[in-house]
Amino acid sequence: MSWMVVSLVGAFAVGITGAMYYSGVHHNFNNEMIFLELAKGLFPRWIAAHSA
C-alpha cells in the first residue's frame, strides 16, 4: 500500500512540475511524455541519455 502512495505522489509532482515548467510555451510533444521532456530540459545530455 505504501509504494502506491509514493508512486502516486511522484506522478502528481511530475505532472504539476511539468505544467508549471511548460506553461505558456508551445510544445510539440505528447503530454504523456512530460517526464522525459523534463529530463531533457533540466539535465545535461549525458545524464538524461536521450537519443533524439
N, C-alpha and C. Protein backbone atom coordinates (compact mmCIF):
# COMPACT_ATOMS: atom_id res chain seq x y z
N MET A 1 0.82 -1.20 0.00
CA MET A 1 0.00 0.00 0.00
C MET A 1 0.86 1.26 0.00
N SER A 2 1.95 1.26 0.75
CA SER A 2 2.75 2.48 0.85
C SER A 2 3.46 2.80 -0.47
N TRP A 3 3.84 1.77 -1.25
CA TRP A 3 4.51 2.03 -2.52
C TRP A 3 3.56 2.70 -3.50
N MET A 4 2.26 2.41 -3.38
CA MET A 4 1.29 3.05 -4.26
C MET A 4 1.15 4.54 -3.94
N VAL A 5 1.20 4.87 -2.68
CA VAL A 5 1.11 6.28 -2.27
C VAL A 5 2.34 7.04 -2.75
N VAL A 6 3.51 6.43 -2.61
CA VAL A 6 4.75 7.07 -3.05
C VAL A 6 4.73 7.29 -4.56
N SER A 7 4.30 6.29 -5.32
CA SER A 7 4.27 6.44 -6.77
C SER A 7 3.21 7.44 -7.21
N LEU A 8 2.08 7.50 -6.52
CA LEU A 8 1.04 8.47 -6.85
C LEU A 8 1.51 9.89 -6.57
N VAL A 9 2.17 10.09 -5.45
CA VAL A 9 2.69 11.42 -5.12
C VAL A 9 3.77 11.83 -6.13
N GLY A 10 4.63 10.88 -6.52
CA GLY A 10 5.67 11.18 -7.51
C GLY A 10 5.08 11.55 -8.86
N ALA A 11 4.07 10.80 -9.29
CA ALA A 11 3.43 11.10 -10.58
C ALA A 11 2.73 12.46 -10.53
N PHE A 12 2.09 12.74 -9.43
CA PHE A 12 1.43 14.04 -9.26
C PHE A 12 2.46 15.18 -9.29
N ALA A 13 3.58 14.98 -8.61
CA ALA A 13 4.62 16.01 -8.57
C ALA A 13 5.22 16.25 -9.96
N VAL A 14 5.44 15.19 -10.73
CA VAL A 14 5.96 15.35 -12.09
C VAL A 14 4.96 16.09 -12.95
N GLY A 15 3.69 15.77 -12.84
CA GLY A 15 2.67 16.44 -13.63
C GLY A 15 2.56 17.92 -13.30
N ILE A 16 2.55 18.24 -12.03
CA ILE A 16 2.45 19.65 -11.62
C ILE A 16 3.70 20.42 -12.02
N THR A 17 4.87 19.81 -11.82
CA THR A 17 6.12 20.47 -12.20
C THR A 17 6.18 20.71 -13.71
N GLY A 18 5.77 19.72 -14.48
CA GLY A 18 5.75 19.87 -15.93
C GLY A 18 4.77 20.92 -16.39
N ALA A 19 3.63 20.99 -15.74
CA ALA A 19 2.64 22.01 -16.10
C ALA A 19 3.17 23.41 -15.81
N MET A 20 3.88 23.57 -14.71
CA MET A 20 4.45 24.88 -14.38
C MET A 20 5.63 25.21 -15.28
N TYR A 21 6.47 24.22 -15.57
CA TYR A 21 7.67 24.44 -16.38
C TYR A 21 7.32 24.79 -17.82
N TYR A 22 6.30 24.15 -18.38
CA TYR A 22 5.92 24.36 -19.77
C TYR A 22 4.67 25.22 -19.92
N SER A 23 4.27 25.94 -18.91
CA SER A 23 3.08 26.80 -19.04
C SER A 23 3.40 27.99 -19.94
N GLY A 24 2.50 28.24 -20.86
CA GLY A 24 2.68 29.36 -21.77
C GLY A 24 3.66 29.12 -22.89
N VAL A 25 4.21 27.93 -22.99
CA VAL A 25 5.18 27.61 -24.04
C VAL A 25 4.53 26.62 -25.00
N HIS A 26 4.65 26.90 -26.29
CA HIS A 26 4.12 25.97 -27.28
C HIS A 26 5.09 24.80 -27.40
N HIS A 27 4.59 23.60 -27.18
CA HIS A 27 5.45 22.42 -27.26
C HIS A 27 4.90 21.43 -28.28
N ASN A 28 5.79 20.66 -28.86
CA ASN A 28 5.42 19.70 -29.89
C ASN A 28 5.60 18.27 -29.42
N PHE A 29 5.23 17.96 -28.20
CA PHE A 29 5.34 16.61 -27.72
C PHE A 29 4.04 16.18 -27.04
N ASN A 30 3.90 14.90 -26.90
CA ASN A 30 2.73 14.32 -26.26
C ASN A 30 2.77 14.64 -24.76
N ASN A 31 1.68 15.02 -24.17
CA ASN A 31 1.65 15.36 -22.75
C ASN A 31 1.98 14.17 -21.85
N GLU A 32 1.82 12.97 -22.36
CA GLU A 32 2.16 11.79 -21.57
C GLU A 32 3.68 11.59 -21.47
N MET A 33 4.43 12.33 -22.25
CA MET A 33 5.89 12.21 -22.25
C MET A 33 6.55 13.33 -21.45
N ILE A 34 5.82 13.94 -20.54
CA ILE A 34 6.32 15.12 -19.82
C ILE A 34 7.53 14.78 -18.96
N PHE A 35 7.58 13.58 -18.39
CA PHE A 35 8.74 13.20 -17.56
C PHE A 35 10.01 13.18 -18.39
N LEU A 36 9.93 12.59 -19.58
CA LEU A 36 11.11 12.53 -20.44
C LEU A 36 11.51 13.92 -20.93
N GLU A 37 10.53 14.76 -21.24
CA GLU A 37 10.84 16.11 -21.70
C GLU A 37 11.45 16.95 -20.58
N LEU A 38 11.00 16.74 -19.35
CA LEU A 38 11.62 17.44 -18.22
C LEU A 38 13.05 17.00 -18.03
N ALA A 39 13.30 15.70 -18.18
CA ALA A 39 14.66 15.20 -18.05
C ALA A 39 15.56 15.79 -19.12
N LYS A 40 15.06 15.91 -20.34
CA LYS A 40 15.84 16.50 -21.43
C LYS A 40 16.12 17.98 -21.16
N GLY A 41 15.15 18.68 -20.60
CA GLY A 41 15.30 20.11 -20.39
C GLY A 41 16.09 20.49 -19.16
N LEU A 42 16.07 19.64 -18.14
CA LEU A 42 16.67 20.02 -16.87
C LEU A 42 18.05 19.43 -16.62
N PHE A 43 18.39 18.34 -17.31
CA PHE A 43 19.67 17.67 -17.08
C PHE A 43 20.55 17.76 -18.32
N PRO A 44 21.86 17.66 -18.12
CA PRO A 44 22.75 17.59 -19.29
C PRO A 44 22.47 16.33 -20.10
N ARG A 45 22.91 16.35 -21.35
CA ARG A 45 22.61 15.24 -22.26
C ARG A 45 23.13 13.90 -21.74
N TRP A 46 24.30 13.86 -21.11
CA TRP A 46 24.87 12.60 -20.66
C TRP A 46 24.13 12.03 -19.45
N ILE A 47 23.41 12.86 -18.70
CA ILE A 47 22.60 12.35 -17.59
C ILE A 47 21.23 11.94 -18.10
N ALA A 48 20.63 12.76 -18.92
CA ALA A 48 19.28 12.45 -19.43
C ALA A 48 19.31 11.27 -20.40
N ALA A 49 20.42 11.07 -21.10
CA ALA A 49 20.63 9.94 -22.01
C ALA A 49 19.51 9.82 -23.04
N HIS A 50 19.16 10.93 -23.66
CA HIS A 50 18.14 10.87 -24.70
C HIS A 50 18.82 10.72 -26.05
N SER A 51 18.15 10.07 -26.94
CA SER A 51 18.75 9.78 -28.23
C SER A 51 18.31 10.75 -29.31
N ALA A 52 17.28 11.55 -29.04
CA ALA A 52 16.78 12.46 -30.08
C ALA A 52 17.54 13.76 -30.10
